[in-house]
Amino acid sequence: MKNKEHIDSQISKLEEKYKDSGQDLSSYLDGLLYQRYLTFWDYIHLDTLLSLQIPRTYFPDEEIFIMYHQITELYFKLILHEQKQVVDDKSQNVDFFIEKARRINSYYEALISSFSIMIKGMEREQFLQYRMALLPASGFQSVQYRMIEIYATPLENLVHHTQRERFSSEDSVEELYEHIYWKKGATDVVTGEKTLTLKQFEYRYTPRLVRISKQVQDSTIYHKFLQLPEEKKDNKDLIKALKTLDLNANVNWPLMHMGSAHRYLGKDKGQIDATGGTNWKDYLPPSFQKVVFFPDLYTKQELNDWGKQWVDHIFNPEKPKN
């Protein structure tokens, strides 16, 4: 009897849900009756997912290269999924803020720990050959990575550090975007002009990135922190989560790329050019870029030393890490 009452209650709720759709509940039940059972492979589109790896050469390790970058982009999408919830939140609920920051950190930590697949999981000789078939494509062209930065902090914090003091929040989005730090990393190493890699990226994504920058002009994750009441901004768990996010995004993650580039592109004399012509030795090290999402959380000395000890450890492994 109790089970029947529960079913009757559920049916009443369904009738209420569907009454405004122009169809009665009976029509929807007919659809449910004829609908196929859902399978795992259909739900996640497994066959489609496994068909998305299309190598440009016959070197086996190229497929590893493709899959790992696809996995990375999925993690970036997870990070953006959490960031957008923080940006859209109006509650100033610190527990919500902490939980979202911790989730973002868990995604970064998974990426950082898995990057050994790129560093140690491919033959250098294969990589140096199949990479030539990828010109001028480059991981530099990951728009989601740029979106993560824009959702995290105001554009003035992303201006190249050599020009940062010239700009403030009073400058236009377009002006700030034109001087964003990563553009200097995609200049031709010989002529100093924009590489084709950067030109392609700007043509495809500049309108979208400028639009997003305007949408979050006063509501980035950093803004959300600064807008908290003073007593909430002092929350130790929140500060720890945001500092960890900063280190993961702007030190630990770039350093993993640095290690990979050093293994595959470094050589005894000089360096091998990246596929996009980017200045990877000048572009990747955190201590060179000094990108910090939440600068108010650090002392002046901490900002001056940003990422330095980690870079020293990568390039001078015999030197002890502090």
Protein backbone atom coordinates (compact mmCIF):
# COMPACT_ATOMS: atom_id res chain seq x y z
CA MET A 1 0.00 0.00 0.00
CA LYS A 2 2.83 2.35 0.93
CA ASN A 3 4.58 1.58 -2.38
CA LYS A 4 1.38 2.38 -4.34
CA GLU A 5 1.03 5.72 -2.55
CA HIS A 6 4.59 6.55 -3.45
CA ILE A 7 3.98 5.69 -7.12
CA ASP A 8 0.78 7.76 -7.18
CA SER A 9 2.72 10.69 -5.70
CA GLN A 10 5.44 10.36 -8.33
CA ILE A 11 2.86 10.23 -11.13
CA SER A 12 1.23 13.43 -9.81
CA LYS A 13 4.62 15.16 -9.78
CA LEU A 14 5.30 14.03 -13.35
CA GLU A 15 1.90 15.28 -14.50
CA GLU A 16 2.71 18.66 -12.93
CA LYS A 17 6.13 18.74 -14.61
CA TYR A 18 4.86 18.02 -18.11
CA LYS A 19 1.54 19.87 -18.13
CA ASP A 20 3.07 23.05 -19.63
CA SER A 21 4.79 21.20 -22.49
CA GLY A 22 1.68 20.82 -24.64
CA GLN A 23 1.62 17.05 -24.15
CA ASP A 24 0.07 14.96 -21.41
CA LEU A 25 2.00 12.54 -19.23
CA SER A 26 0.66 9.56 -21.19
CA SER A 27 2.52 10.72 -24.31
CA TYR A 28 5.80 10.91 -22.39
CA LEU A 29 5.18 7.46 -20.90
CA ASP A 30 4.70 6.11 -24.44
CA GLY A 31 8.09 7.56 -25.34
CA LEU A 32 9.63 5.94 -22.27
CA LEU A 33 8.06 2.61 -23.22
CA TYR A 34 9.61 2.65 -26.69
CA GLN A 35 12.95 4.10 -25.68
CA ARG A 36 16.00 1.81 -25.76
CA TYR A 37 17.91 1.01 -22.59
CA LEU A 38 20.85 3.33 -22.05
CA THR A 39 24.30 1.75 -22.25
CA PHE A 40 27.59 3.03 -20.87
CA TRP A 41 29.17 3.25 -24.32
CA ASP A 42 26.27 5.27 -25.72
CA TYR A 43 26.15 7.58 -22.69
CA ILE A 44 29.80 8.65 -22.98
CA HIS A 45 29.92 8.26 -26.78
CA LEU A 46 32.79 5.82 -26.41
CA ASP A 47 33.05 4.85 -30.07
CA THR A 48 33.25 8.51 -31.09
CA LEU A 49 35.76 9.27 -28.35
CA LEU A 50 38.06 6.44 -29.43
CA SER A 51 37.87 7.53 -33.06
CA LEU A 52 39.22 11.04 -32.39
CA GLN A 53 42.90 10.08 -32.51
CA ILE A 54 44.07 10.68 -36.07
CA PRO A 55 47.87 10.64 -36.37
CA ARG A 56 49.58 12.54 -39.17
CA THR A 57 52.49 10.07 -39.39
CA TYR A 58 53.19 6.36 -38.89
CA PHE A 59 55.22 6.78 -35.70
CA PRO A 60 53.43 4.85 -32.90
CA ASP A 61 54.21 7.42 -30.20
CA GLU A 62 52.33 10.16 -32.03
CA GLU A 63 49.10 8.55 -30.84
CA ILE A 64 50.28 8.94 -27.23
CA PHE A 65 51.00 12.60 -27.95
CA ILE A 66 47.50 13.16 -29.34
CA MET A 67 45.66 11.31 -26.58
CA TYR A 68 47.49 13.02 -23.76
CA HIS A 69 46.73 16.46 -25.19
CA GLN A 70 43.07 15.48 -25.56
CA ILE A 71 43.01 14.32 -21.93
CA THR A 72 44.59 17.64 -20.92
CA GLU A 73 41.88 19.60 -22.71
CA LEU A 74 39.20 17.60 -20.90
CA TYR A 75 40.80 18.49 -17.57
CA PHE A 76 40.91 22.13 -18.67
CA LYS A 77 37.18 21.88 -19.34
CA LEU A 78 36.66 20.55 -15.80
CA ILE A 79 38.65 23.48 -14.40
CA LEU A 80 36.57 25.95 -16.40
CA HIS A 81 33.40 24.19 -15.23
CA GLU A 82 34.33 24.98 -11.61
CA GLN A 83 35.61 28.49 -12.36
CA LYS A 84 32.37 29.50 -14.05
CA GLN A 85 30.40 28.46 -10.97
CA VAL A 86 32.57 30.69 -8.77
CA VAL A 87 32.26 33.60 -11.20
CA ASP A 88 28.47 33.24 -11.35
CA ASP A 89 27.99 32.79 -7.60
CA LYS A 90 26.47 35.74 -5.74
CA SER A 91 26.22 34.16 -2.29
CA GLN A 92 29.75 34.95 -0.99
CA ASN A 93 29.60 31.53 0.65
CA VAL A 94 33.18 30.77 1.71
CA ASP A 95 32.61 27.00 1.98
CA PHE A 96 31.37 26.98 -1.62
CA PHE A 97 34.42 29.01 -2.70
CA ILE A 98 36.83 26.66 -0.90
CA GLU A 99 35.22 23.56 -2.37
CA LYS A 100 35.46 24.89 -5.92
CA ALA A 101 39.12 25.92 -5.45
CA ARG A 102 39.93 22.48 -4.05
CA ARG A 103 38.26 20.78 -7.00
CA ILE A 104 40.29 22.91 -9.40
CA ASN A 105 43.44 21.94 -7.50
CA SER A 106 42.55 18.26 -7.73
CA TYR A 107 42.29 18.59 -11.53
CA TYR A 108 45.64 20.39 -11.72
CA GLU A 109 47.26 17.79 -9.47
CA ALA A 110 46.01 15.00 -11.72
CA LEU A 111 47.47 16.81 -14.74
CA ILE A 112 50.78 17.52 -13.02
CA SER A 113 51.25 13.97 -11.75
CA SER A 114 50.31 12.47 -15.13
CA PHE A 115 52.69 14.63 -17.16
CA SER A 116 55.40 11.97 -16.83
CA ILE A 117 53.54 10.36 -19.74
CA MET A 118 54.80 13.24 -21.87
CA ILE A 119 58.25 13.46 -20.27
CA LYS A 120 59.14 9.76 -20.10
CA GLY A 121 56.47 8.00 -22.13
CA MET A 122 57.66 8.73 -25.66
CA GLU A 123 60.83 8.02 -27.61
CA ARG A 124 62.73 11.23 -28.23
CA GLU A 125 63.79 10.09 -31.71
CA GLN A 126 60.17 9.45 -32.74
CA PHE A 127 59.02 12.78 -31.32
CA LEU A 128 61.69 14.77 -33.17
CA GLN A 129 60.53 13.22 -36.44
CA TYR A 130 56.75 13.23 -36.23
CA ARG A 131 56.68 16.75 -34.74
CA MET A 132 57.77 18.09 -38.12
CA ALA A 133 54.45 16.91 -39.58
CA LEU A 134 52.58 19.04 -37.02
CA LEU A 135 53.92 22.46 -38.07
CA PRO A 136 52.81 25.11 -37.16
CA ALA A 137 50.38 23.61 -34.62
CA SER A 138 51.41 24.07 -30.98
CA GLY A 139 50.05 23.49 -27.48
CA PHE A 140 50.40 27.27 -27.27
CA GLN A 141 47.12 27.36 -29.21
CA SER A 142 45.05 25.91 -26.34
CA VAL A 143 42.24 28.45 -25.98
CA GLN A 144 40.90 26.78 -22.84
CA TYR A 145 44.19 27.44 -21.07
CA ARG A 146 43.84 31.15 -21.91
CA MET A 147 40.24 31.10 -20.73
CA ILE A 148 41.31 29.62 -17.39
CA GLU A 149 43.68 32.56 -16.89
CA ILE A 150 41.02 35.11 -17.84
CA TYR A 151 38.45 33.62 -15.46
CA ALA A 152 41.03 33.53 -12.66
CA THR A 153 42.40 37.09 -12.57
CA PRO A 154 42.01 40.57 -14.10
CA LEU A 155 43.74 41.15 -17.43
CA GLU A 156 46.14 43.68 -15.91
CA ASN A 157 47.70 40.79 -13.96
CA LEU A 158 48.28 38.94 -17.25
CA VAL A 159 50.10 41.77 -19.01
CA HIS A 160 53.73 40.88 -19.67
CA HIS A 161 55.67 41.63 -16.47
CA THR A 162 58.02 44.05 -18.27
CA GLN A 163 55.02 46.28 -19.08
CA ARG A 164 52.71 45.53 -16.14
CA GLU A 165 53.39 48.76 -14.26
CA ARG A 166 52.15 50.77 -17.23
CA PHE A 167 48.64 49.33 -17.05
CA SER A 168 45.74 49.17 -14.61
CA SER A 169 42.07 48.22 -14.48
CA GLU A 170 41.31 51.64 -15.98
CA ASP A 171 42.72 50.55 -19.35
CA SER A 172 40.42 49.00 -21.93
CA VAL A 173 40.10 45.25 -22.29
CA GLU A 174 41.38 45.53 -25.85
CA GLU A 175 44.51 47.41 -24.77
CA LEU A 176 45.26 45.00 -21.94
CA TYR A 177 44.66 41.99 -24.15
CA GLU A 178 47.06 43.32 -26.78
CA HIS A 179 49.86 43.28 -24.17
CA ILE A 180 49.03 39.92 -22.58
CA TYR A 181 52.17 38.03 -21.59
CA TRP A 182 51.89 34.95 -23.79
CA LYS A 183 51.98 36.91 -27.03
CA LYS A 184 55.66 37.62 -26.44
CA GLY A 185 56.23 33.89 -26.26
CA ALA A 186 54.97 33.42 -29.81
CA THR A 187 57.24 35.79 -31.64
CA ASP A 188 59.58 34.47 -34.30
CA VAL A 189 62.91 33.67 -32.69
CA VAL A 190 64.78 35.27 -35.62
CA THR A 191 62.68 38.23 -36.83
CA GLY A 192 60.80 39.11 -33.63
CA GLU A 193 57.53 39.15 -35.61
CA LYS A 194 54.36 37.26 -34.71
CA THR A 195 54.60 33.61 -35.66
CA LEU A 196 52.01 31.95 -37.87
CA THR A 197 51.00 29.99 -34.78
CA LEU A 198 50.02 33.22 -33.00
CA LYS A 199 48.38 34.73 -36.08
CA GLN A 200 46.19 31.63 -36.49
CA PHE A 201 45.26 31.70 -32.82
CA GLU A 202 44.41 35.41 -32.80
CA TYR A 203 42.28 35.12 -35.93
CA ARG A 204 40.24 32.27 -34.49
CA TYR A 205 39.98 33.19 -30.80
CA THR A 206 40.61 36.89 -30.15
CA PRO A 207 36.90 37.87 -30.43
CA ARG A 208 35.92 35.12 -27.97
CA LEU A 209 38.67 35.91 -25.46
CA VAL A 210 37.94 39.64 -25.54
CA ARG A 211 34.23 38.93 -25.06
CA ILE A 212 34.91 36.67 -22.05
CA SER A 213 37.30 39.27 -20.61
CA LYS A 214 34.54 41.86 -20.73
CA GLN A 215 32.00 39.48 -19.21
CA VAL A 216 34.22 38.81 -16.17
CA GLN A 217 35.75 42.28 -15.94
CA ASP A 218 34.63 42.68 -12.31
CA SER A 219 33.87 39.07 -11.40
CA THR A 220 37.00 36.97 -11.89
CA ILE A 221 37.90 34.55 -9.13
CA TYR A 222 40.31 37.18 -7.77
CA HIS A 223 37.52 39.78 -7.78
CA LYS A 224 35.26 37.33 -5.94
CA PHE A 225 37.92 36.98 -3.25
CA LEU A 226 38.49 40.75 -2.94
CA GLN A 227 34.73 41.36 -2.71
CA LEU A 228 34.34 39.11 0.33
CA PRO A 229 33.72 40.76 3.71
CA GLU A 230 36.99 41.19 5.63
CA GLU A 231 36.21 38.46 8.14
CA LYS A 232 35.66 35.97 5.30
CA LYS A 233 38.83 36.95 3.44
CA ASP A 234 40.86 35.88 6.48
CA ASN A 235 39.68 32.28 6.17
CA LYS A 236 42.87 30.19 6.31
CA ASP A 237 41.44 27.31 4.30
CA LEU A 238 40.37 29.65 1.51
CA ILE A 239 43.74 31.40 1.41
CA LYS A 240 45.55 28.05 1.35
CA ALA A 241 43.32 26.74 -1.47
CA LEU A 242 43.84 29.88 -3.58
CA LYS A 243 47.60 29.92 -3.01
CA THR A 244 47.77 26.25 -4.00
CA LEU A 245 45.75 27.04 -7.12
CA ASP A 246 48.18 29.84 -7.98
CA LEU A 247 51.19 27.55 -7.59
CA ASN A 248 49.58 24.71 -9.52
CA ALA A 249 48.51 26.92 -12.43
CA ASN A 250 51.49 29.26 -12.65
CA VAL A 251 54.47 27.29 -11.30
CA ASN A 252 53.97 23.54 -11.10
CA TRP A 253 52.07 23.07 -14.36
CA PRO A 254 54.36 25.28 -16.51
CA LEU A 255 57.40 23.58 -14.94
CA MET A 256 56.15 20.18 -16.09
CA HIS A 257 56.02 21.58 -19.62
CA MET A 258 59.49 22.98 -19.10
CA GLY A 259 60.78 19.55 -18.16
CA SER A 260 59.19 18.02 -21.23
CA ALA A 261 60.54 20.72 -23.55
CA HIS A 262 63.98 20.39 -21.98
CA ARG A 263 63.98 16.63 -22.60
CA TYR A 264 62.76 16.72 -26.20
CA LEU A 265 63.94 20.12 -27.46
CA GLY A 266 67.02 20.82 -25.40
CA LYS A 267 70.46 19.92 -26.72
CA ASP A 268 74.06 20.47 -25.76
CA LYS A 269 74.49 23.61 -27.84
CA GLY A 270 71.51 25.89 -28.26
CA GLN A 271 68.01 24.51 -28.54
CA ILE A 272 65.63 22.92 -31.03
CA ASP A 273 62.81 25.20 -32.16
CA ALA A 274 59.28 24.44 -30.93
CA THR A 275 56.74 23.51 -33.62
CA GLY A 276 55.04 26.90 -33.31
CA GLY A 277 58.33 28.82 -33.29
CA THR A 278 57.69 29.83 -29.67
CA ASN A 279 60.55 30.94 -27.44
CA TRP A 280 60.01 28.07 -25.04
CA LYS A 281 63.05 28.73 -22.82
CA ASP A 282 61.92 32.33 -22.31
CA TYR A 283 58.19 31.64 -22.35
CA LEU A 284 57.72 28.61 -20.07
CA PRO A 285 59.72 29.37 -16.89
CA PRO A 286 57.43 30.82 -14.18
CA SER A 287 60.21 33.03 -12.80
CA PHE A 288 60.47 34.71 -16.22
CA GLN A 289 56.73 35.38 -16.61
CA LYS A 290 55.80 36.07 -12.98
CA VAL A 291 52.13 35.38 -13.65
CA VAL A 292 50.29 35.47 -10.31
CA PHE A 293 46.52 35.20 -10.13
CA PHE A 294 46.07 36.46 -6.55
CA PRO A 295 48.93 38.90 -5.83
CA ASP A 296 47.42 40.30 -2.60
CA LEU A 297 48.01 36.93 -0.92
CA TYR A 298 51.81 37.24 -1.07
CA THR A 299 54.57 39.38 0.34
CA LYS A 300 56.72 41.51 -1.96
CA GLN A 301 59.62 39.08 -1.47
CA GLU A 302 57.44 36.10 -2.38
CA LEU A 303 56.38 37.85 -5.58
CA ASN A 304 60.00 38.71 -6.44
CA ASP A 305 61.05 35.07 -5.95
CA TRP A 306 58.02 33.65 -7.76
CA GLY A 307 58.93 30.25 -9.22
CA LYS A 308 62.65 30.91 -9.07
CA GLN A 309 63.71 28.02 -6.85
CA TRP A 310 61.72 25.55 -8.95
CA VAL A 311 63.34 26.68 -12.20
CA ASP A 312 66.80 26.50 -10.59
CA HIS A 313 66.05 22.93 -9.59
CA ILE A 314 65.01 21.96 -13.12
CA PHE A 315 68.06 23.48 -14.86
CA ASN A 316 70.57 22.86 -12.05
CA PRO A 317 69.49 19.50 -10.59
CA GLU A 318 72.69 19.25 -8.54
CA LYS A 319 71.65 22.42 -6.68
CA PRO A 320 69.46 21.58 -3.65
CA LYS A 321 65.86 22.81 -3.82
CA ASN A 322 64.90 25.07 -0.92
